[in-house]
Amino acid sequence: MKNWAGNLEYRSTSVQIPRSTEELQEMVSSATAVKALGSRHCFNTIADTDGIHVALENLGGAPEIDTDRRTVRVAGSLSYGALGAHLEKHGFALPNLASLPHISVAGAIQTGTHGSGVSNGSLATAVTAIELVRASGTLVRLTADDGDDFRAAVVGLGALGIITHVELAIEPSFKIRQQVFLELPWSRVLDDFDAVAADGYSVSLFTGYSGPAIAQVWRKVRDEQSPLETPEEFHGAHPATVLLHPLPGMSAENCTPQLNIAGAWLDRLPHFQLQFTPSNGEELQSEYLLPREHAGAALAELRDLSALIGPLLFISEIRTVAADDFWLSPSYHQDSVALHLTWKPLQEQVESVLPVIETRLSAYGARPHWGKLFAANAADLAGLYPRFSDFRAMAEHHDPAGKFRNDYLNKVLFSR
């Protein structure tokens, strides 16, 4: 069994499908090594195990909307695309979505996955409650009232338990207009990144880091905040007149609608439509998040490395994420710029350049995305997260036998 990208094969001895939460509790309690099996969109071994995988699709059921509290309780295994369709049907929305609607709710929040927007936090910031099975088999429900236990568990890397359900804050449905702009001068980005990034509800920049201009800008604005007429320019970039894919030359048929035409939030906030596979074959991904005030300097570093990384890149996406309070979130206590790298499926070559990139970005406190490829280990990461040692102690307390641990967690969390 392989992950979505096809770059790794899971080592689990079996996949078990519990028919109820109680059956899951029994499986976890009796297992010596166990991990949840989600949508398999991670590019590293964070979800691997040499024990059993548990697939939780039978613990689903329809999302439960509380209209008075403006929340929805949802199975952790549900995809954001399916959740979005249910919410829209009932007149509600989530504040933001990631580029892909195919990812599961639990996997996304556990790794700090995000969309874009200077005022938009990661997907985890919508969480109001989380239900998980501890290593002992005990089912617990945590909310913000539980303080540190909640702030540690939401972006928990799968180290604190297996998530069964999540409660998310929702809001009334809204419409988004999406417009793509071309050839944004690098000088405008490096001189005033904040002005560019803040000029929209969600702004994504696509580049290969060479040349005088960023190839594409994907700007998403809420319909009530957007003029009906198409803007004539965006900080020196000009509007596209046809539908585009972020990768030059690729068909845009699997991308969400553009050209400043208003549509439902779930059909515009992701870059790719749910009914299509977003990848053109195999790919690899890395991403680094760092304080937004260092965006210009960090981008200059990557531009300086363009000759090294360019031949390995499909494309890079530059986004922003608002600060949050989750201990291991890459945006913990910092408004961030997120530098995403979509690599060609050349893992050995990609892994050889990651230490170079991380060394260059280390001066700016860059934190890697937990579900993508990076070289850093626990010694490198500990200084980037003020509550790192507290999280490790909590994981050791709740899972003393290490049944949720794997090679990945031993490297990035438990090695000393």
Protein backbone atom coordinates (compact mmCIF):
# COMPACT_ATOMS: atom_id res chain seq x y z
CA MET A 1 0.00 0.00 0.00
CA LYS A 2 1.48 3.31 -1.13
CA ASN A 3 0.81 6.94 -0.34
CA TRP A 4 -0.95 9.26 -2.79
CA ALA A 5 2.29 10.48 -4.36
CA GLY A 6 3.62 6.94 -4.75
CA ASN A 7 6.99 7.80 -3.19
CA LEU A 8 6.65 5.48 -0.18
CA GLU A 9 5.14 2.13 0.71
CA TYR A 10 3.59 1.66 4.13
CA ARG A 11 4.99 -1.10 6.33
CA SER A 12 1.85 -1.96 8.30
CA THR A 13 1.07 -5.63 8.78
CA SER A 14 -2.67 -5.16 8.24
CA VAL A 15 -5.44 -2.60 7.77
CA GLN A 16 -8.35 -2.99 10.17
CA ILE A 17 -11.69 -1.21 9.78
CA PRO A 18 -13.53 -0.73 13.07
CA ARG A 19 -17.32 -0.68 12.86
CA SER A 20 -17.73 1.54 15.89
CA THR A 21 -15.79 3.85 18.18
CA GLU A 22 -15.91 1.14 20.85
CA GLU A 23 -14.31 -1.35 18.47
CA LEU A 24 -11.61 1.20 17.65
CA GLN A 25 -10.95 1.66 21.36
CA GLU A 26 -10.45 -2.09 21.73
CA MET A 27 -8.10 -2.20 18.73
CA VAL A 28 -5.97 0.64 20.06
CA SER A 29 -5.90 -0.74 23.59
CA SER A 30 -4.70 -4.17 22.46
CA ALA A 31 -2.25 -3.01 19.78
CA THR A 32 1.49 -2.69 20.29
CA ALA A 33 1.82 -0.31 17.31
CA VAL A 34 -1.04 1.46 15.54
CA LYS A 35 -1.70 4.49 13.31
CA ALA A 36 -4.75 5.92 11.59
CA LEU A 37 -4.91 5.58 7.81
CA GLY A 38 -6.23 8.75 6.21
CA SER A 39 -6.22 10.08 2.66
CA ARG A 40 -2.47 9.30 2.40
CA HIS A 41 -1.60 12.77 1.12
CA CYS A 42 1.52 13.10 3.27
CA PHE A 43 4.87 12.79 1.52
CA ASN A 44 6.83 11.36 4.45
CA THR A 45 6.32 8.51 6.92
CA ILE A 46 4.38 10.48 9.56
CA ALA A 47 1.43 8.05 9.20
CA ASP A 48 3.46 4.84 8.81
CA THR A 49 3.63 2.00 11.32
CA ASP A 50 5.12 -1.46 11.58
CA GLY A 51 1.95 -2.51 13.41
CA ILE A 52 -1.65 -2.09 12.26
CA HIS A 53 -3.35 0.69 10.36
CA VAL A 54 -6.94 1.53 11.28
CA ALA A 55 -9.16 2.97 8.55
CA LEU A 56 -12.00 5.00 10.04
CA GLU A 57 -14.47 5.43 7.17
CA ASN A 58 -17.11 3.37 9.03
CA LEU A 59 -17.07 5.83 11.93
CA GLY A 60 -18.50 8.55 9.73
CA GLY A 61 -22.14 9.44 9.51
CA ALA A 62 -23.47 12.76 8.31
CA PRO A 63 -21.89 15.92 9.71
CA GLU A 64 -23.90 17.30 12.64
CA ILE A 65 -24.57 21.05 12.32
CA ASP A 66 -25.43 23.09 15.40
CA THR A 67 -27.02 26.22 13.96
CA ASP A 68 -27.17 28.02 17.31
CA ARG A 69 -23.49 27.51 18.17
CA ARG A 70 -22.37 27.78 14.53
CA THR A 71 -20.39 24.53 14.69
CA VAL A 72 -20.30 21.23 12.84
CA ARG A 73 -19.22 17.87 14.29
CA VAL A 74 -17.60 15.76 11.61
CA ALA A 75 -15.80 12.44 11.32
CA GLY A 76 -12.06 12.97 11.15
CA SER A 77 -11.87 10.71 8.09
CA LEU A 78 -14.18 12.91 5.99
CA SER A 79 -12.63 14.93 3.18
CA TYR A 80 -12.93 18.70 3.13
CA GLY A 81 -14.60 18.43 -0.25
CA ALA A 82 -17.39 16.23 1.09
CA LEU A 83 -17.75 18.39 4.20
CA GLY A 84 -17.92 21.54 2.09
CA ALA A 85 -20.72 20.15 -0.06
CA HIS A 86 -22.74 19.26 3.04
CA LEU A 87 -22.23 22.67 4.63
CA GLU A 88 -23.11 24.56 1.45
CA LYS A 89 -26.31 22.53 1.10
CA HIS A 90 -27.33 23.81 4.54
CA GLY A 91 -26.22 27.41 3.97
CA PHE A 92 -22.92 27.30 5.87
CA ALA A 93 -19.21 27.53 5.13
CA LEU A 94 -15.75 27.11 6.57
CA PRO A 95 -13.59 30.26 6.64
CA ASN A 96 -10.91 28.77 4.41
CA LEU A 97 -9.75 25.66 2.56
CA ALA A 98 -6.43 24.25 1.40
CA SER A 99 -5.39 23.97 -2.25
CA LEU A 100 -6.76 20.42 -2.43
CA PRO A 101 -10.28 19.53 -1.20
CA HIS A 102 -9.37 15.82 -1.24
CA ILE A 103 -7.54 15.77 2.11
CA SER A 104 -9.12 14.45 5.30
CA VAL A 105 -10.10 16.74 8.16
CA ALA A 106 -8.08 14.89 10.81
CA GLY A 107 -4.92 14.56 8.75
CA ALA A 108 -5.01 18.21 7.72
CA ILE A 109 -5.38 19.63 11.20
CA GLN A 110 -2.86 17.22 12.74
CA THR A 111 -0.15 18.54 10.39
CA GLY A 112 -1.11 22.23 10.42
CA THR A 113 -2.22 22.25 6.78
CA HIS A 114 -3.48 25.61 5.51
CA GLY A 115 -4.78 27.73 2.67
CA SER A 116 -3.76 31.35 2.22
CA GLY A 117 -4.67 34.81 3.50
CA VAL A 118 -3.01 37.19 5.93
CA SER A 119 -6.08 37.02 8.20
CA ASN A 120 -6.75 33.31 7.69
CA GLY A 121 -5.27 30.79 10.10
CA SER A 122 -4.50 27.18 9.25
CA LEU A 123 -7.39 24.73 8.96
CA ALA A 124 -6.73 23.80 12.60
CA THR A 125 -7.86 27.24 13.79
CA ALA A 126 -11.48 26.30 13.02
CA VAL A 127 -11.35 23.46 15.58
CA THR A 128 -13.54 23.99 18.65
CA ALA A 129 -13.39 20.40 19.94
CA ILE A 130 -11.48 17.24 19.16
CA GLU A 131 -12.33 13.64 20.06
CA LEU A 132 -9.53 11.08 20.15
CA VAL A 133 -8.69 7.62 21.41
CA ARG A 134 -5.65 7.58 23.68
CA ALA A 135 -3.09 4.75 23.71
CA SER A 136 -4.94 3.25 26.68
CA GLY A 137 -8.10 2.96 24.58
CA THR A 138 -9.80 5.79 26.46
CA LEU A 139 -11.96 8.15 24.39
CA VAL A 140 -11.53 11.82 25.33
CA ARG A 141 -13.11 15.05 24.10
CA LEU A 142 -11.04 18.22 24.37
CA THR A 143 -12.08 21.85 23.94
CA ALA A 144 -10.36 25.18 24.49
CA ASP A 145 -11.51 24.94 28.12
CA ASP A 146 -9.00 22.09 28.51
CA GLY A 147 -6.14 24.51 27.95
CA ASP A 148 -2.78 22.92 27.22
CA ASP A 149 -4.26 19.49 26.47
CA PHE A 150 -6.33 21.04 23.67
CA ARG A 151 -3.55 23.27 22.34
CA ALA A 152 -1.22 20.29 22.13
CA ALA A 153 -3.68 17.81 20.64
CA VAL A 154 -5.08 19.74 17.66
CA VAL A 155 -1.80 19.85 15.70
CA GLY A 156 -0.62 16.63 17.33
CA LEU A 157 1.21 14.75 14.53
CA GLY A 158 -0.72 11.60 15.46
CA ALA A 159 1.39 11.31 18.62
CA LEU A 160 -1.36 11.89 21.20
CA GLY A 161 -4.13 9.66 19.92
CA ILE A 162 -6.31 8.63 16.98
CA ILE A 163 -8.90 11.25 16.08
CA THR A 164 -12.46 10.04 15.62
CA HIS A 165 -14.37 13.32 15.33
CA VAL A 166 -13.68 17.03 15.15
CA GLU A 167 -15.95 19.99 15.86
CA LEU A 168 -15.35 23.01 13.63
CA ALA A 169 -16.57 26.61 13.72
CA ILE A 170 -18.68 27.53 10.70
CA GLU A 171 -20.19 30.71 9.27
CA PRO A 172 -22.92 31.60 6.76
CA SER A 173 -22.13 30.58 3.20
CA PHE A 174 -20.40 33.18 1.04
CA LYS A 175 -19.25 33.62 -2.53
CA ILE A 176 -15.71 34.08 -3.83
CA ARG A 177 -14.36 35.66 -7.00
CA GLN A 178 -11.10 34.17 -8.26
CA GLN A 179 -8.83 35.99 -10.69
CA VAL A 180 -5.42 34.96 -12.03
CA PHE A 181 -2.84 37.62 -12.88
CA LEU A 182 0.37 37.18 -14.86
CA GLU A 183 3.94 38.45 -14.62
CA LEU A 184 4.06 40.07 -11.18
CA PRO A 185 7.41 41.92 -10.97
CA TRP A 186 9.72 40.44 -8.35
CA SER A 187 10.66 43.97 -7.33
CA ARG A 188 7.10 44.63 -6.10
CA VAL A 189 7.13 41.44 -4.02
CA LEU A 190 10.57 41.93 -2.50
CA ASP A 191 9.98 45.62 -1.75
CA ASP A 192 6.58 45.25 -0.06
CA PHE A 193 5.48 41.65 0.33
CA ASP A 194 2.76 42.56 2.83
CA ALA A 195 1.02 44.88 0.37
CA VAL A 196 0.85 42.11 -2.22
CA ALA A 197 -0.15 39.35 0.20
CA ALA A 198 -2.88 41.42 1.87
CA ASP A 199 -4.54 42.49 -1.40
CA GLY A 200 -7.21 39.79 -1.34
CA TYR A 201 -8.97 37.37 0.96
CA SER A 202 -6.51 34.72 -0.24
CA VAL A 203 -3.44 35.34 -2.41
CA SER A 204 -1.11 32.68 -3.84
CA LEU A 205 1.99 33.37 -5.93
CA PHE A 206 3.36 30.72 -8.31
CA THR A 207 6.98 30.89 -9.39
CA GLY A 208 10.11 28.97 -10.31
CA TYR A 209 12.28 31.72 -8.72
CA SER A 210 14.16 32.66 -11.89
CA GLY A 211 13.49 35.62 -14.17
CA PRO A 212 12.23 39.14 -13.41
CA ALA A 213 8.62 38.23 -12.60
CA ILE A 214 6.43 35.78 -10.71
CA ALA A 215 4.53 33.74 -13.28
CA GLN A 216 1.02 33.71 -11.75
CA VAL A 217 -0.96 35.29 -8.92
CA TRP A 218 -4.15 33.55 -7.80
CA ARG A 219 -6.24 36.18 -6.01
CA LYS A 220 -9.46 35.23 -4.27
CA VAL A 221 -11.80 37.89 -2.84
CA ARG A 222 -15.13 37.59 -1.06
CA ASP A 223 -17.88 38.65 -3.43
CA GLU A 224 -19.31 41.28 -1.08
CA GLN A 225 -15.88 42.94 -0.92
CA SER A 226 -15.15 42.78 -4.66
CA PRO A 227 -16.15 45.12 -7.49
CA LEU A 228 -17.94 43.42 -10.36
CA GLU A 229 -15.52 44.71 -12.97
CA THR A 230 -12.25 42.84 -13.50
CA PRO A 231 -9.23 44.73 -12.10
CA GLU A 232 -6.94 46.04 -14.82
CA GLU A 233 -3.78 45.13 -12.91
CA PHE A 234 -2.45 43.68 -9.66
CA HIS A 235 0.72 45.40 -8.40
CA GLY A 236 2.11 45.45 -11.91
CA ALA A 237 0.71 42.07 -13.01
CA HIS A 238 -1.93 41.89 -15.75
CA PRO A 239 -5.11 39.77 -15.66
CA ALA A 240 -5.28 36.45 -17.47
CA THR A 241 -7.96 36.23 -20.15
CA VAL A 242 -8.23 32.41 -20.23
CA LEU A 243 -8.45 29.70 -17.58
CA LEU A 244 -5.04 28.60 -16.31
CA HIS A 245 -3.37 25.79 -14.37
CA PRO A 246 -0.55 26.76 -11.98
CA LEU A 247 1.84 24.66 -14.08
CA PRO A 248 2.53 26.29 -17.46
CA GLY A 249 1.18 24.28 -20.37
CA MET A 250 -1.13 22.13 -18.26
CA SER A 251 -4.85 21.97 -18.98
CA ALA A 252 -6.99 24.00 -16.57
CA GLU A 253 -9.93 21.57 -16.71
CA ASN A 254 -9.25 20.29 -13.18
CA CYS A 255 -8.81 23.78 -11.70
CA THR A 256 -11.49 25.82 -9.95
CA PRO A 257 -13.26 28.59 -11.95
CA GLN A 258 -11.40 31.86 -12.48
CA LEU A 259 -11.95 35.04 -14.55
CA ASN A 260 -13.52 36.96 -11.62
CA ILE A 261 -16.79 35.02 -11.82
CA ALA A 262 -18.45 34.68 -8.42
CA GLY A 263 -19.16 31.20 -7.08
CA ALA A 264 -19.63 29.29 -3.86
CA TRP A 265 -16.73 29.33 -1.40
CA LEU A 266 -16.09 25.58 -1.76
CA ASP A 267 -15.76 25.95 -5.55
CA ARG A 268 -13.23 28.81 -5.41
CA LEU A 269 -11.08 28.57 -2.26
CA PRO A 270 -9.28 25.37 -3.38
CA HIS A 271 -7.20 25.53 -6.55
CA PHE A 272 -8.44 22.13 -7.74
CA GLN A 273 -11.89 20.65 -8.16
CA LEU A 274 -12.90 17.70 -6.00
CA GLN A 275 -13.95 15.49 -8.91
CA PHE A 276 -10.51 15.64 -10.53
CA THR A 277 -7.17 14.23 -9.47
CA PRO A 278 -5.05 17.37 -9.00
CA SER A 279 -1.64 15.91 -9.77
CA ASN A 280 -0.06 15.38 -13.16
CA GLY A 281 1.41 12.03 -12.21
CA GLU A 282 3.79 11.63 -9.31
CA GLU A 283 5.20 14.60 -7.43
CA LEU A 284 6.93 15.41 -4.16
CA GLN A 285 6.35 18.37 -1.85
CA SER A 286 8.19 20.40 0.78
CA GLU A 287 7.13 23.57 2.57
CA TYR A 288 8.66 26.00 5.04
CA LEU A 289 6.82 28.58 7.16
CA LEU A 290 8.58 31.56 8.71
CA PRO A 291 7.65 34.96 10.19
CA ARG A 292 6.04 37.11 7.52
CA GLU A 293 8.35 40.04 8.23
CA HIS A 294 11.19 37.94 6.80
CA ALA A 295 9.35 37.11 3.56
CA GLY A 296 11.44 39.36 1.32
CA ALA A 297 14.76 38.11 2.69
CA ALA A 298 13.71 34.44 2.53
CA LEU A 299 12.44 34.79 -1.04
CA ALA A 300 15.72 36.41 -2.01
CA GLU A 301 17.50 33.34 -0.61
CA LEU A 302 15.43 30.99 -2.76
CA ARG A 303 15.98 33.16 -5.81
CA ASP A 304 19.70 32.88 -5.13
CA LEU A 305 19.28 29.08 -5.14
CA SER A 306 17.23 29.00 -8.35
CA ALA A 307 20.00 27.37 -10.39
CA LEU A 308 20.20 24.55 -7.83
CA ILE A 309 16.51 23.95 -7.18
CA GLY A 310 15.01 25.06 -10.51
CA PRO A 311 15.76 21.83 -12.42
CA LEU A 312 13.99 19.82 -9.70
CA LEU A 313 10.92 22.06 -9.38
CA PHE A 314 7.54 21.75 -11.01
CA ILE A 315 6.46 24.99 -9.32
CA SER A 316 6.62 26.85 -6.00
CA GLU A 317 3.61 28.43 -4.30
CA ILE A 318 3.96 31.35 -1.87
CA ARG A 319 1.11 31.84 0.63
CA THR A 320 0.41 33.47 4.00
CA VAL A 321 -1.03 32.05 7.23
CA ALA A 322 -2.21 33.91 10.34
CA ALA A 323 -0.77 33.05 13.75
CA ASP A 324 -2.37 30.49 16.06
CA ASP A 325 -1.88 29.02 19.53
CA PHE A 326 -1.31 25.31 18.84
CA TRP A 327 2.00 24.09 20.26
CA LEU A 328 3.39 22.35 17.17
CA SER A 329 1.68 24.45 14.52
CA PRO A 330 4.19 25.89 12.04
CA SER A 331 2.32 29.18 12.57
CA TYR A 332 2.50 29.02 16.37
CA HIS A 333 2.54 32.62 17.64
CA GLN A 334 3.69 34.02 14.27
CA ASP A 335 1.98 35.44 11.20
CA SER A 336 3.71 33.41 8.54
CA VAL A 337 4.74 33.26 4.93
CA ALA A 338 4.59 29.71 3.59
CA LEU A 339 7.08 28.72 0.89
CA HIS A 340 5.76 25.59 -0.79
CA LEU A 341 7.85 23.58 -3.25
CA THR A 342 6.27 21.05 -5.62
CA TRP A 343 9.10 18.83 -6.78
CA LYS A 344 9.53 16.46 -9.69
CA PRO A 345 9.50 12.79 -8.54
CA LEU A 346 13.27 12.67 -8.05
CA GLN A 347 13.45 11.90 -4.35
CA GLU A 348 17.18 11.32 -4.00
CA GLN A 349 18.03 14.59 -5.75
CA VAL A 350 15.34 16.50 -3.85
CA GLU A 351 16.54 15.19 -0.50
CA SER A 352 20.07 16.27 -1.38
CA VAL A 353 19.03 19.93 -1.75
CA LEU A 354 16.76 20.13 1.31
CA PRO A 355 19.65 20.65 3.78
CA VAL A 356 20.91 23.50 1.60
CA ILE A 357 17.49 25.17 1.60
CA GLU A 358 17.03 24.65 5.33
CA THR A 359 20.45 26.10 6.09
CA ARG A 360 19.63 29.22 4.06
CA LEU A 361 16.23 29.63 5.72
CA SER A 362 17.39 28.81 9.25
CA ALA A 363 18.35 32.44 9.88
CA TYR A 364 14.64 33.30 9.61
CA GLY A 365 13.32 30.55 11.89
CA ALA A 366 11.76 28.47 9.11
CA ARG A 367 9.55 25.61 10.31
CA PRO A 368 8.87 22.71 7.91
CA HIS A 369 5.39 21.45 7.14
CA TRP A 370 5.04 18.25 9.16
CA GLY A 371 3.51 16.21 6.33
CA LYS A 372 6.00 17.04 3.59
CA LEU A 373 9.67 16.30 2.91
CA PHE A 374 12.31 17.96 5.07
CA ALA A 375 15.70 17.12 6.53
CA ALA A 376 15.50 18.57 10.05
CA ASN A 377 15.52 16.36 13.15
CA ALA A 378 14.36 16.91 16.73
CA ALA A 379 17.53 18.78 17.69
CA ASP A 380 16.95 21.22 14.82
CA LEU A 381 13.24 21.63 15.52
CA ALA A 382 13.28 21.96 19.31
CA GLY A 383 14.50 25.55 19.21
CA LEU A 384 11.79 26.56 16.75
CA TYR A 385 8.87 25.62 19.01
CA PRO A 386 8.74 27.11 22.53
CA ARG A 387 6.50 24.25 23.77
CA PHE A 388 8.42 21.46 21.99
CA SER A 389 9.70 19.77 25.15
CA ASP A 390 6.27 20.14 26.78
CA PHE A 391 4.66 18.38 23.83
CA ARG A 392 7.21 15.58 23.95
CA ALA A 393 6.59 15.10 27.68
CA MET A 394 2.83 15.02 27.08
CA ALA A 395 3.23 12.39 24.35
CA GLU A 396 5.40 10.26 26.62
CA HIS A 397 2.82 10.59 29.40
CA HIS A 398 -0.18 9.58 27.28
CA ASP A 399 1.66 6.92 25.25
CA PRO A 400 4.36 5.50 27.54
CA ALA A 401 4.76 2.32 25.47
CA GLY A 402 5.11 4.30 22.24
CA LYS A 403 2.37 2.55 20.26
CA PHE A 404 1.73 5.74 18.24
CA ARG A 405 5.43 6.29 17.57
CA ASN A 406 7.21 5.42 14.35
CA ASP A 407 10.55 6.17 12.72
CA TYR A 408 9.34 9.62 11.72
CA LEU A 409 8.27 10.65 15.22
CA ASN A 410 11.41 9.18 16.72
CA LYS A 411 13.46 11.38 14.39
CA VAL A 412 11.56 14.67 14.59
CA LEU A 413 10.25 14.53 18.16
CA PHE A 414 11.81 11.96 20.46
CA SER A 415 15.50 11.83 19.49
CA ARG A 416 17.69 13.81 21.85
